[in-house]
Each structure stands twice: as structure tokens, then as C-alpha cells.
Amino acid sequence: MLKILDVHVADIRFPTSSQSDGSDAMNPDPDYSATYVTLITNSAFKGNGLTFTIGRGNELCVAAVHALKFLLINKDLVEITRNMGVFWRSLVGD
């Protein structure tokens, strides 16, 4: 039984605004960023995922992961994957 024991979250920032890399009319000074998530399990397996942002708002993605990680900790992977719809609704519903 593969069980999720912890969720690690990293706020990764790339200083792209210093050279205006990736800038456009709506985002003149983006610092491309990523919220990087690692699921720690009770085995050697880990789960990794990320979401990219243009910098502004990345702290909201990080905060959202921290706020929702209690829904993952101590969950069995089979329980999650058995019915992804039920799991999804547990994440996005209140």
C-alpha cells in the first residue's frame, strides 16, 4: 500500500524581469516562477508536480498547496486513483 506521508512545497523564482525576458504589454516585468510540489510516500517513490506563473500570484499557489495538503497526507494512492472524480471534488469542493 503506497501512502502519502508528507507534501513538500517550494516557491521557485526566475529573475526574468531584469532583462525583460518574457515581457509583453500586459506583463512588463514578469519573474517567471513555479510552485514545485513533492509528495513523500512510505516507499522510495515520490510524486512531483509543478505549476508555472509569471511571478505575481505564485505565493498564492504555494499557499493553496499548504492549505490543501491535509487532504493528501495519510491517503492511500489506490484510494485516490480508484475514483479520481471523488478525489477531485474533495480538493475543489467545500
N, C-alpha and C. Protein backbone atom coordinates (compact mmCIF):
# COMPACT_ATOMS: atom_id res chain seq x y z
N MET A 1 0.84 -1.18 0.00
CA MET A 1 0.00 0.00 0.00
C MET A 1 0.89 1.24 0.00
N LEU A 2 0.76 2.05 -1.04
CA LEU A 2 1.53 3.28 -1.18
C LEU A 2 0.75 4.42 -0.53
N LYS A 3 1.34 5.00 0.50
CA LYS A 3 0.65 6.03 1.28
C LYS A 3 1.44 7.33 1.22
N ILE A 4 0.73 8.44 1.09
CA ILE A 4 1.36 9.76 1.09
C ILE A 4 1.57 10.19 2.54
N LEU A 5 2.82 10.45 2.89
CA LEU A 5 3.16 10.82 4.26
C LEU A 5 3.32 12.32 4.47
N ASP A 6 3.77 13.02 3.41
CA ASP A 6 4.00 14.45 3.55
C ASP A 6 3.95 15.11 2.18
N VAL A 7 3.80 16.41 2.18
CA VAL A 7 3.78 17.21 0.96
C VAL A 7 4.78 18.34 1.15
N HIS A 8 5.82 18.37 0.32
CA HIS A 8 6.81 19.45 0.36
C HIS A 8 6.50 20.43 -0.76
N VAL A 9 6.62 21.72 -0.47
CA VAL A 9 6.29 22.77 -1.43
C VAL A 9 7.47 23.72 -1.53
N ALA A 10 7.86 24.07 -2.77
CA ALA A 10 8.93 25.04 -2.99
C ALA A 10 8.43 26.16 -3.89
N ASP A 11 8.78 27.38 -3.55
CA ASP A 11 8.45 28.57 -4.34
C ASP A 11 9.72 28.92 -5.12
N ILE A 12 9.73 28.63 -6.42
CA ILE A 12 10.93 28.82 -7.24
C ILE A 12 10.73 30.04 -8.12
N ARG A 13 11.69 30.95 -8.10
CA ARG A 13 11.59 32.20 -8.87
C ARG A 13 12.77 32.30 -9.84
N PHE A 14 12.48 32.77 -11.05
CA PHE A 14 13.49 33.02 -12.07
C PHE A 14 13.49 34.52 -12.35
N PRO A 15 14.63 35.20 -12.18
CA PRO A 15 14.66 36.66 -12.30
C PRO A 15 14.63 37.14 -13.76
N THR A 16 13.57 36.81 -14.48
CA THR A 16 13.49 37.17 -15.90
C THR A 16 13.21 38.65 -16.12
N SER A 17 12.71 39.36 -15.11
CA SER A 17 12.38 40.78 -15.30
C SER A 17 13.62 41.65 -15.45
N SER A 18 14.76 41.18 -14.99
CA SER A 18 15.97 42.01 -15.06
C SER A 18 16.37 42.31 -16.50
N GLN A 19 16.03 41.43 -17.44
CA GLN A 19 16.35 41.63 -18.86
C GLN A 19 15.07 41.76 -19.70
N SER A 20 13.92 41.84 -19.03
CA SER A 20 12.61 41.91 -19.69
C SER A 20 12.31 40.66 -20.52
N ASP A 21 12.92 39.53 -20.15
CA ASP A 21 12.63 38.28 -20.84
C ASP A 21 11.18 37.90 -20.57
N GLY A 22 10.45 37.56 -21.62
CA GLY A 22 9.07 37.12 -21.47
C GLY A 22 8.08 38.23 -21.22
N SER A 23 8.52 39.48 -21.33
CA SER A 23 7.59 40.58 -21.08
C SER A 23 6.67 40.78 -22.28
N ASP A 24 5.53 41.36 -22.01
CA ASP A 24 4.58 41.73 -23.06
C ASP A 24 3.80 42.94 -22.57
N ALA A 25 2.80 43.36 -23.33
CA ALA A 25 2.05 44.56 -22.98
C ALA A 25 1.34 44.45 -21.63
N MET A 26 0.89 43.25 -21.29
CA MET A 26 0.16 43.05 -20.04
C MET A 26 1.08 42.75 -18.85
N ASN A 27 2.27 42.24 -19.13
CA ASN A 27 3.21 41.82 -18.08
C ASN A 27 4.59 42.39 -18.39
N PRO A 28 4.81 43.67 -18.06
CA PRO A 28 6.07 44.31 -18.43
C PRO A 28 7.29 43.82 -17.65
N ASP A 29 7.10 43.24 -16.49
CA ASP A 29 8.24 42.82 -15.67
C ASP A 29 7.99 41.46 -15.01
N PRO A 30 7.78 40.42 -15.80
CA PRO A 30 7.49 39.12 -15.20
C PRO A 30 8.75 38.46 -14.63
N ASP A 31 8.60 37.85 -13.50
CA ASP A 31 9.64 36.97 -12.96
C ASP A 31 9.03 35.58 -12.96
N TYR A 32 9.29 34.86 -14.03
CA TYR A 32 8.68 33.54 -14.15
C TYR A 32 8.97 32.73 -12.90
N SER A 33 7.97 32.01 -12.47
CA SER A 33 8.04 31.30 -11.20
C SER A 33 7.35 29.96 -11.31
N ALA A 34 7.62 29.10 -10.35
CA ALA A 34 6.97 27.80 -10.31
C ALA A 34 6.72 27.41 -8.86
N THR A 35 5.59 26.78 -8.65
CA THR A 35 5.30 26.12 -7.38
C THR A 35 5.61 24.66 -7.61
N TYR A 36 6.62 24.15 -6.93
CA TYR A 36 7.08 22.77 -7.12
C TYR A 36 6.66 21.94 -5.91
N VAL A 37 5.94 20.86 -6.18
CA VAL A 37 5.37 20.03 -5.11
C VAL A 37 5.98 18.63 -5.18
N THR A 38 6.37 18.10 -4.04
CA THR A 38 6.86 16.73 -3.94
C THR A 38 6.02 15.99 -2.91
N LEU A 39 5.43 14.88 -3.35
CA LEU A 39 4.68 14.01 -2.44
C LEU A 39 5.65 12.98 -1.88
N ILE A 40 5.78 12.92 -0.58
CA ILE A 40 6.64 11.96 0.10
C ILE A 40 5.77 10.76 0.47
N THR A 41 6.23 9.57 0.11
CA THR A 41 5.44 8.36 0.39
C THR A 41 6.16 7.47 1.39
N ASN A 42 5.50 6.38 1.74
CA ASN A 42 6.09 5.41 2.66
C ASN A 42 6.98 4.42 1.93
N SER A 43 7.41 4.76 0.72
CA SER A 43 8.32 3.91 -0.05
C SER A 43 9.38 4.81 -0.68
N ALA A 44 10.17 4.24 -1.58
CA ALA A 44 11.19 5.03 -2.27
C ALA A 44 10.58 5.93 -3.34
N PHE A 45 9.32 5.70 -3.69
CA PHE A 45 8.66 6.50 -4.72
C PHE A 45 8.25 7.87 -4.18
N LYS A 46 8.41 8.87 -5.03
CA LYS A 46 7.96 10.23 -4.74
C LYS A 46 7.13 10.71 -5.92
N GLY A 47 6.23 11.61 -5.64
CA GLY A 47 5.47 12.25 -6.72
C GLY A 47 5.88 13.69 -6.83
N ASN A 48 6.04 14.16 -8.06
CA ASN A 48 6.47 15.54 -8.29
C ASN A 48 5.53 16.22 -9.27
N GLY A 49 5.26 17.48 -9.02
CA GLY A 49 4.43 18.26 -9.93
C GLY A 49 4.73 19.73 -9.77
N LEU A 50 4.32 20.50 -10.76
CA LEU A 50 4.57 21.93 -10.68
C LEU A 50 3.52 22.70 -11.45
N THR A 51 3.45 23.96 -11.16
CA THR A 51 2.65 24.89 -11.93
C THR A 51 3.48 26.15 -12.13
N PHE A 52 3.42 26.69 -13.34
CA PHE A 52 4.17 27.91 -13.65
C PHE A 52 3.28 29.13 -13.53
N THR A 53 3.88 30.24 -13.11
CA THR A 53 3.19 31.52 -13.10
C THR A 53 4.15 32.57 -13.66
N ILE A 54 3.65 33.79 -13.82
CA ILE A 54 4.52 34.87 -14.27
C ILE A 54 5.12 35.61 -13.08
N GLY A 55 5.05 35.00 -11.92
CA GLY A 55 5.65 35.58 -10.71
C GLY A 55 4.60 36.09 -9.75
N ARG A 56 3.85 37.10 -10.19
CA ARG A 56 2.77 37.60 -9.33
C ARG A 56 1.76 36.48 -9.14
N GLY A 57 1.44 36.21 -7.91
CA GLY A 57 0.48 35.16 -7.62
C GLY A 57 1.09 33.82 -7.30
N ASN A 58 2.39 33.66 -7.50
CA ASN A 58 2.99 32.36 -7.19
C ASN A 58 2.85 32.03 -5.71
N GLU A 59 2.93 33.05 -4.87
CA GLU A 59 2.77 32.80 -3.43
C GLU A 59 1.36 32.29 -3.12
N LEU A 60 0.38 32.65 -3.96
CA LEU A 60 -0.98 32.13 -3.78
C LEU A 60 -1.05 30.64 -4.10
N CYS A 61 -0.32 30.23 -5.14
CA CYS A 61 -0.27 28.80 -5.48
C CYS A 61 0.39 28.01 -4.35
N VAL A 62 1.47 28.55 -3.81
CA VAL A 62 2.17 27.90 -2.70
C VAL A 62 1.23 27.81 -1.48
N ALA A 63 0.55 28.90 -1.19
CA ALA A 63 -0.38 28.91 -0.04
C ALA A 63 -1.52 27.92 -0.25
N ALA A 64 -1.99 27.80 -1.49
CA ALA A 64 -3.08 26.85 -1.78
C ALA A 64 -2.63 25.42 -1.52
N VAL A 65 -1.42 25.08 -1.92
CA VAL A 65 -0.91 23.72 -1.67
C VAL A 65 -0.81 23.48 -0.17
N HIS A 66 -0.27 24.45 0.55
CA HIS A 66 -0.18 24.30 2.01
C HIS A 66 -1.56 24.14 2.64
N ALA A 67 -2.54 24.89 2.14
CA ALA A 67 -3.89 24.84 2.70
C ALA A 67 -4.58 23.51 2.42
N LEU A 68 -4.25 22.87 1.30
CA LEU A 68 -4.94 21.65 0.89
C LEU A 68 -4.18 20.36 1.19
N LYS A 69 -2.94 20.47 1.62
CA LYS A 69 -2.14 19.25 1.77
C LYS A 69 -2.69 18.30 2.82
N PHE A 70 -3.46 18.80 3.77
CA PHE A 70 -4.05 17.90 4.77
C PHE A 70 -4.99 16.89 4.11
N LEU A 71 -5.50 17.21 2.92
CA LEU A 71 -6.38 16.28 2.20
C LEU A 71 -5.60 15.13 1.57
N LEU A 72 -4.28 15.26 1.49
CA LEU A 72 -3.43 14.22 0.90
C LEU A 72 -2.70 13.37 1.92
N ILE A 73 -2.30 13.98 3.02
CA ILE A 73 -1.47 13.29 4.00
C ILE A 73 -2.24 12.10 4.58
N ASN A 74 -1.54 10.97 4.61
CA ASN A 74 -2.07 9.68 5.08
C ASN A 74 -3.09 9.05 4.14
N LYS A 75 -3.17 9.55 2.90
CA LYS A 75 -4.06 8.93 1.91
C LYS A 75 -3.32 7.81 1.20
N ASP A 76 -4.07 6.75 0.92
CA ASP A 76 -3.57 5.62 0.14
C ASP A 76 -3.73 5.98 -1.33
N LEU A 77 -2.68 5.75 -2.13
CA LEU A 77 -2.74 6.10 -3.54
C LEU A 77 -3.86 5.36 -4.26
N VAL A 78 -4.11 4.12 -3.90
CA VAL A 78 -5.21 3.36 -4.52
C VAL A 78 -6.54 4.03 -4.22
N GLU A 79 -6.69 4.53 -3.01
CA GLU A 79 -7.93 5.23 -2.63
C GLU A 79 -8.14 6.47 -3.49
N ILE A 80 -7.05 7.18 -3.79
CA ILE A 80 -7.13 8.38 -4.62
C ILE A 80 -7.46 8.01 -6.06
N THR A 81 -6.75 7.04 -6.61
CA THR A 81 -6.90 6.71 -8.04
C THR A 81 -8.12 5.85 -8.34
N ARG A 82 -8.70 5.25 -7.35
CA ARG A 82 -9.89 4.41 -7.58
C ARG A 82 -11.01 5.22 -8.21
N ASN A 83 -11.18 6.44 -7.75
CA ASN A 83 -12.21 7.32 -8.31
C ASN A 83 -11.69 8.75 -8.24
N MET A 84 -11.02 9.16 -9.32
CA MET A 84 -10.40 10.48 -9.34
C MET A 84 -11.43 11.60 -9.21
N GLY A 85 -12.66 11.36 -9.69
CA GLY A 85 -13.70 12.38 -9.57
C GLY A 85 -14.02 12.71 -8.12
N VAL A 86 -14.13 11.68 -7.30
CA VAL A 86 -14.38 11.88 -5.87
C VAL A 86 -13.22 12.63 -5.23
N PHE A 87 -12.00 12.24 -5.58
CA PHE A 87 -10.82 12.91 -5.02
C PHE A 87 -10.78 14.37 -5.47
N TRP A 88 -11.03 14.62 -6.75
CA TRP A 88 -11.02 15.99 -7.28
C TRP A 88 -12.04 16.86 -6.54
N ARG A 89 -13.24 16.34 -6.34
CA ARG A 89 -14.26 17.11 -5.64
C ARG A 89 -13.86 17.39 -4.19
N SER A 90 -13.10 16.48 -3.58
CA SER A 90 -12.63 16.74 -2.21
C SER A 90 -11.63 17.89 -2.18
N LEU A 91 -10.90 18.09 -3.29
CA LEU A 91 -9.94 19.19 -3.36
C LEU A 91 -10.61 20.52 -3.66
N VAL A 92 -11.58 20.52 -4.55
CA VAL A 92 -12.14 21.79 -5.02
C VAL A 92 -13.47 22.16 -4.38
N GLY A 93 -14.09 21.21 -3.68
CA GLY A 93 -15.37 21.50 -3.03
C GLY A 93 -15.17 21.83 -1.57
N ASP A 94 -16.17 22.42 -1.00
CA ASP A 94 -16.06 22.77 0.40
C ASP A 94 -17.10 22.03 1.21
